[in-house]
Amino acid sequence: MKDYQVHLEKLRTDAAECRLISDLATDPKKRELFDRLALHLTTLADQVEEAILAKPMGT
């Protein structure tokens, strides 16, 4: 279960970093790219978290 938590934290950290890069980017294409990456990573993190919560304890 700790493996999942480590991956979840990594996804959330990566999403936050992409959001920051998007906010700081001066090039509109880079801003859009990093915004999409942040959204995608956040969605993945949410799905991992749902899987963790749905998984029965002890398995």
PDB file of N, CA and C in Angstrom:
ATOM      1  N   MET A   1       0.825  -1.193   0.000  1.00  0.00           N
ATOM      2  CA  MET A   1       0.000   0.000   0.000  1.00  0.00           C
ATOM      3  C   MET A   1       0.870   1.258   0.000  1.00  0.00           C
ATOM      4  N   LYS A   2       2.041   1.184   0.622  1.00  0.00           N
ATOM      5  CA  LYS A   2       2.928   2.344   0.648  1.00  0.00           C
ATOM      6  C   LYS A   2       3.406   2.716  -0.746  1.00  0.00           C
ATOM      7  N   ASP A   3       3.566   1.697  -1.615  1.00  0.00           N
ATOM      8  CA  ASP A   3       3.962   1.963  -2.999  1.00  0.00           C
ATOM      9  C   ASP A   3       2.973   2.892  -3.680  1.00  0.00           C
ATOM     10  N   TYR A   4       1.696   2.613  -3.498  1.00  0.00           N
ATOM     11  CA  TYR A   4       0.661   3.446  -4.101  1.00  0.00           C
ATOM     12  C   TYR A   4       0.742   4.871  -3.571  1.00  0.00           C
ATOM     13  N   GLN A   5       0.945   4.991  -2.289  1.00  0.00           N
ATOM     14  CA  GLN A   5       1.009   6.316  -1.667  1.00  0.00           C
ATOM     15  C   GLN A   5       2.201   7.112  -2.192  1.00  0.00           C
ATOM     16  N   VAL A   6       3.325   6.450  -2.378  1.00  0.00           N
ATOM     17  CA  VAL A   6       4.514   7.109  -2.921  1.00  0.00           C
ATOM     18  C   VAL A   6       4.239   7.608  -4.337  1.00  0.00           C
ATOM     19  N   HIS A   7       3.615   6.777  -5.143  1.00  0.00           N
ATOM     20  CA  HIS A   7       3.287   7.176  -6.516  1.00  0.00           C
ATOM     21  C   HIS A   7       2.266   8.314  -6.534  1.00  0.00           C
ATOM     22  N   LEU A   8       1.317   8.249  -5.633  1.00  0.00           N
ATOM     23  CA  LEU A   8       0.309   9.306  -5.543  1.00  0.00           C
ATOM     24  C   LEU A   8       0.962  10.645  -5.206  1.00  0.00           C
ATOM     25  N   GLU A   9       1.846  10.640  -4.226  1.00  0.00           N
ATOM     26  CA  GLU A   9       2.543  11.873  -3.844  1.00  0.00           C
ATOM     27  C   GLU A   9       3.395  12.400  -4.995  1.00  0.00           C
ATOM     28  N   LYS A  10       4.046  11.512  -5.734  1.00  0.00           N
ATOM     29  CA  LYS A  10       4.865  11.923  -6.882  1.00  0.00           C
ATOM     30  C   LYS A  10       3.994  12.568  -7.960  1.00  0.00           C
ATOM     31  N   LEU A  11       2.851  11.977  -8.248  1.00  0.00           N
ATOM     32  CA  LEU A  11       1.942  12.558  -9.236  1.00  0.00           C
ATOM     33  C   LEU A  11       1.467  13.939  -8.805  1.00  0.00           C
ATOM     34  N   ARG A  12       1.122  14.086  -7.543  1.00  0.00           N
ATOM     35  CA  ARG A  12       0.645  15.380  -7.035  1.00  0.00           C
ATOM     36  C   ARG A  12       1.769  16.432  -7.092  1.00  0.00           C
ATOM     37  N   THR A  13       2.983  16.017  -6.757  1.00  0.00           N
ATOM     38  CA  THR A  13       4.124  16.933  -6.816  1.00  0.00           C
ATOM     39  C   THR A  13       4.402  17.359  -8.256  1.00  0.00           C
ATOM     40  N   ASP A  14       4.389  16.400  -9.159  1.00  0.00           N
ATOM     41  CA  ASP A  14       4.624  16.706 -10.569  1.00  0.00           C
ATOM     42  C   ASP A  14       3.538  17.631 -11.119  1.00  0.00           C
ATOM     43  N   ALA A  15       2.302  17.395 -10.733  1.00  0.00           N
ATOM     44  CA  ALA A  15       1.197  18.246 -11.188  1.00  0.00           C
ATOM     45  C   ALA A  15       1.388  19.677 -10.680  1.00  0.00           C
ATOM     46  N   ALA A  16       1.789  19.815  -9.430  1.00  0.00           N
ATOM     47  CA  ALA A  16       2.014  21.153  -8.864  1.00  0.00           C
ATOM     48  C   ALA A  16       3.164  21.869  -9.576  1.00  0.00           C
ATOM     49  N   GLU A  17       4.209  21.128  -9.902  1.00  0.00           N
ATOM     50  CA  GLU A  17       5.337  21.721 -10.616  1.00  0.00           C
ATOM     51  C   GLU A  17       4.933  22.165 -12.020  1.00  0.00           C
ATOM     52  N   CYS A  18       4.134  21.354 -12.690  1.00  0.00           N
ATOM     53  CA  CYS A  18       3.655  21.744 -14.029  1.00  0.00           C
ATOM     54  C   CYS A  18       2.769  22.974 -13.944  1.00  0.00           C
ATOM     55  N   ARG A  19       1.947  23.046 -12.916  1.00  0.00           N
ATOM     56  CA  ARG A  19       1.086  24.221 -12.729  1.00  0.00           C
ATOM     57  C   ARG A  19       1.947  25.464 -12.529  1.00  0.00           C
ATOM     58  N   LEU A  20       2.981  25.356 -11.731  1.00  0.00           N
ATOM     59  CA  LEU A  20       3.880  26.484 -11.487  1.00  0.00           C
ATOM     60  C   LEU A  20       4.572  26.912 -12.782  1.00  0.00           C
ATOM     61  N   ILE A  21       5.082  25.954 -13.526  1.00  0.00           N
ATOM     62  CA  ILE A  21       5.739  26.275 -14.800  1.00  0.00           C
ATOM     63  C   ILE A  21       4.743  26.955 -15.739  1.00  0.00           C
ATOM     64  N   SER A  22       3.533  26.450 -15.777  1.00  0.00           N
ATOM     65  CA  SER A  22       2.501  27.054 -16.619  1.00  0.00           C
ATOM     66  C   SER A  22       2.246  28.503 -16.217  1.00  0.00           C
ATOM     67  N   ASP A  23       2.170  28.744 -14.933  1.00  0.00           N
ATOM     68  CA  ASP A  23       1.923  30.102 -14.436  1.00  0.00           C
ATOM     69  C   ASP A  23       3.070  31.055 -14.762  1.00  0.00           C
ATOM     70  N   LEU A  24       4.287  30.524 -14.797  1.00  0.00           N
ATOM     71  CA  LEU A  24       5.462  31.371 -15.022  1.00  0.00           C
ATOM     72  C   LEU A  24       5.858  31.490 -16.496  1.00  0.00           C
ATOM     73  N   ALA A  25       5.329  30.617 -17.320  1.00  0.00           N
ATOM     74  CA  ALA A  25       5.727  30.599 -18.741  1.00  0.00           C
ATOM     75  C   ALA A  25       5.263  31.871 -19.447  1.00  0.00           C
ATOM     76  N   THR A  26       6.141  32.390 -20.278  1.00  0.00           N
ATOM     77  CA  THR A  26       5.785  33.572 -21.066  1.00  0.00           C
ATOM     78  C   THR A  26       5.320  33.180 -22.468  1.00  0.00           C
ATOM     79  N   ASP A  27       5.739  32.026 -22.933  1.00  0.00           N
ATOM     80  CA  ASP A  27       5.328  31.524 -24.242  1.00  0.00           C
ATOM     81  C   ASP A  27       3.929  30.893 -24.108  1.00  0.00           C
ATOM     82  N   PRO A  28       2.949  31.387 -24.845  1.00  0.00           N
ATOM     83  CA  PRO A  28       1.579  30.859 -24.730  1.00  0.00           C
ATOM     84  C   PRO A  28       1.472  29.358 -25.004  1.00  0.00           C
ATOM     85  N   LYS A  29       2.261  28.837 -25.943  1.00  0.00           N
ATOM     86  CA  LYS A  29       2.207  27.403 -26.242  1.00  0.00           C
ATOM     87  C   LYS A  29       2.746  26.572 -25.073  1.00  0.00           C
ATOM     88  N   LYS A  30       3.825  27.056 -24.463  1.00  0.00           N
ATOM     89  CA  LYS A  30       4.376  26.344 -23.301  1.00  0.00           C
ATOM     90  C   LYS A  30       3.419  26.434 -22.120  1.00  0.00           C
ATOM     91  N   ARG A  31       2.799  27.586 -21.963  1.00  0.00           N
ATOM     92  CA  ARG A  31       1.827  27.769 -20.878  1.00  0.00           C
ATOM     93  C   ARG A  31       0.688  26.761 -21.029  1.00  0.00           C
ATOM     94  N   GLU A  32       0.173  26.648 -22.250  1.00  0.00           N
ATOM     95  CA  GLU A  32      -0.925  25.715 -22.512  1.00  0.00           C
ATOM     96  C   GLU A  32      -0.485  24.264 -22.311  1.00  0.00           C
ATOM     97  N   LEU A  33       0.713  23.931 -22.791  1.00  0.00           N
ATOM     98  CA  LEU A  33       1.228  22.576 -22.639  1.00  0.00           C
ATOM     99  C   LEU A  33       1.335  22.183 -21.164  1.00  0.00           C
ATOM    100  N   PHE A  34       1.955  23.033 -20.361  1.00  0.00           N
ATOM    101  CA  PHE A  34       2.138  22.698 -18.949  1.00  0.00           C
ATOM    102  C   PHE A  34       0.822  22.740 -18.180  1.00  0.00           C
ATOM    103  N   ASP A  35      -0.114  23.547 -18.633  1.00  0.00           N
ATOM    104  CA  ASP A  35      -1.441  23.555 -18.022  1.00  0.00           C
ATOM    105  C   ASP A  35      -2.131  22.212 -18.281  1.00  0.00           C
ATOM    106  N   ARG A  36      -2.033  21.724 -19.530  1.00  0.00           N
ATOM    107  CA  ARG A  36      -2.627  20.422 -19.863  1.00  0.00           C
ATOM    108  C   ARG A  36      -1.936  19.295 -19.103  1.00  0.00           C
ATOM    109  N   LEU A  37      -0.617  19.374 -18.977  1.00  0.00           N
ATOM    110  CA  LEU A  37       0.110  18.347 -18.215  1.00  0.00           C
ATOM    111  C   LEU A  37      -0.325  18.343 -16.748  1.00  0.00           C
ATOM    112  N   ALA A  38      -0.464  19.521 -16.172  1.00  0.00           N
ATOM    113  CA  ALA A  38      -0.903  19.618 -14.777  1.00  0.00           C
ATOM    114  C   ALA A  38      -2.282  18.995 -14.602  1.00  0.00           C
ATOM    115  N   LEU A  39      -3.183  19.299 -15.523  1.00  0.00           N
ATOM    116  CA  LEU A  39      -4.536  18.745 -15.448  1.00  0.00           C
ATOM    117  C   LEU A  39      -4.508  17.225 -15.590  1.00  0.00           C
ATOM    118  N   HIS A  40      -3.720  16.738 -16.532  1.00  0.00           N
ATOM    119  CA  HIS A  40      -3.618  15.300 -16.752  1.00  0.00           C
ATOM    120  C   HIS A  40      -3.038  14.586 -15.527  1.00  0.00           C
ATOM    121  N   LEU A  41      -1.970  15.127 -14.975  1.00  0.00           N
ATOM    122  CA  LEU A  41      -1.354  14.504 -13.795  1.00  0.00           C
ATOM    123  C   LEU A  41      -2.284  14.547 -12.590  1.00  0.00           C
ATOM    124  N   THR A  42      -3.032  15.618 -12.456  1.00  0.00           N
ATOM    125  CA  THR A  42      -4.003  15.713 -11.358  1.00  0.00           C
ATOM    126  C   THR A  42      -5.090  14.653 -11.511  1.00  0.00           C
ATOM    127  N   THR A  43      -5.553  14.468 -12.744  1.00  0.00           N
ATOM    128  CA  THR A  43      -6.559  13.434 -13.011  1.00  0.00           C
ATOM    129  C   THR A  43      -6.012  12.051 -12.691  1.00  0.00           C
ATOM    130  N   LEU A  44      -4.793  11.783 -13.102  1.00  0.00           N
ATOM    131  CA  LEU A  44      -4.166  10.489 -12.788  1.00  0.00           C
ATOM    132  C   LEU A  44      -4.039  10.290 -11.282  1.00  0.00           C
ATOM    133  N   ALA A  45      -3.625  11.323 -10.583  1.00  0.00           N
ATOM    134  CA  ALA A  45      -3.488  11.230  -9.125  1.00  0.00           C
ATOM    135  C   ALA A  45      -4.845  10.949  -8.476  1.00  0.00           C
ATOM    136  N   ASP A  46      -5.878  11.605  -8.964  1.00  0.00           N
ATOM    137  CA  ASP A  46      -7.225  11.363  -8.427  1.00  0.00           C
ATOM    138  C   ASP A  46      -7.645   9.916  -8.651  1.00  0.00           C
ATOM    139  N   GLN A  47      -7.324   9.363  -9.810  1.00  0.00           N
ATOM    140  CA  GLN A  47      -7.676   7.977 -10.115  1.00  0.00           C
ATOM    141  C   GLN A  47      -6.890   7.000  -9.243  1.00  0.00           C
ATOM    142  N   VAL A  48      -5.620   7.286  -9.011  1.00  0.00           N
ATOM    143  CA  VAL A  48      -4.821   6.432  -8.120  1.00  0.00           C
ATOM    144  C   VAL A  48      -5.392   6.489  -6.705  1.00  0.00           C
ATOM    145  N   GLU A  49      -5.742   7.670  -6.255  1.00  0.00           N
ATOM    146  CA  GLU A  49      -6.313   7.816  -4.918  1.00  0.00           C
ATOM    147  C   GLU A  49      -7.632   7.050  -4.795  1.00  0.00           C
ATOM    148  N   GLU A  50      -8.473   7.125  -5.819  1.00  0.00           N
ATOM    149  CA  GLU A  50      -9.730   6.366  -5.815  1.00  0.00           C
ATOM    150  C   GLU A  50      -9.451   4.870  -5.735  1.00  0.00           C
ATOM    151  N   ALA A  51      -8.453   4.407  -6.457  1.00  0.00           N
ATOM    152  CA  ALA A  51      -8.100   2.985  -6.442  1.00  0.00           C
ATOM    153  C   ALA A  51      -7.606   2.562  -5.067  1.00  0.00           C
ATOM    154  N   ILE A  52      -6.833   3.440  -4.429  1.00  0.00           N
ATOM    155  CA  ILE A  52      -6.336   3.140  -3.082  1.00  0.00           C
ATOM    156  C   ILE A  52      -7.504   3.022  -2.110  1.00  0.00           C
ATOM    157  N   LEU A  53      -8.432   3.951  -2.202  1.00  0.00           N
ATOM    158  CA  LEU A  53      -9.576   3.964  -1.287  1.00  0.00           C
ATOM    159  C   LEU A  53     -10.527   2.800  -1.548  1.00  0.00           C
ATOM    160  N   ALA A  54     -10.610   2.347  -2.791  1.00  0.00           N
ATOM    161  CA  ALA A  54     -11.520   1.272  -3.147  1.00  0.00           C
ATOM    162  C   ALA A  54     -10.948  -0.109  -2.836  1.00  0.00           C
ATOM    163  N   LYS A  55      -9.622  -0.175  -2.700  1.00  0.00           N
ATOM    164  CA  LYS A  55      -8.968  -1.464  -2.476  1.00  0.00           C
ATOM    165  C   LYS A  55      -9.244  -1.936  -1.048  1.00  0.00           C
ATOM    166  N   PRO A  56      -9.704  -3.176  -0.897  1.00  0.00           N
ATOM    167  CA  PRO A  56      -9.952  -3.711   0.438  1.00  0.00           C
ATOM    168  C   PRO A  56      -8.651  -3.816   1.229  1.00  0.00           C
ATOM    169  N   MET A  57      -8.726  -3.551   2.501  1.00  0.00           N
ATOM    170  CA  MET A  57      -7.546  -3.633   3.368  1.00  0.00           C
ATOM    171  C   MET A  57      -7.034  -5.072   3.426  1.00  0.00           C
ATOM    172  N   GLY A  58      -5.696  -5.206   3.457  1.00  0.00           N
ATOM    173  CA  GLY A  58      -5.099  -6.527   3.590  1.00  0.00           C
ATOM    174  C   GLY A  58      -4.875  -7.235   2.264  1.00  0.00           C
ATOM    175  N   THR A  59      -5.157  -6.550   1.141  1.00  0.00           N
ATOM    176  CA  THR A  59      -4.915  -7.187  -0.160  1.00  0.00           C
ATOM    177  C   THR A  59      -3.986  -6.346  -0.978  1.00  0.00           C
TER     178      THR A  59
END
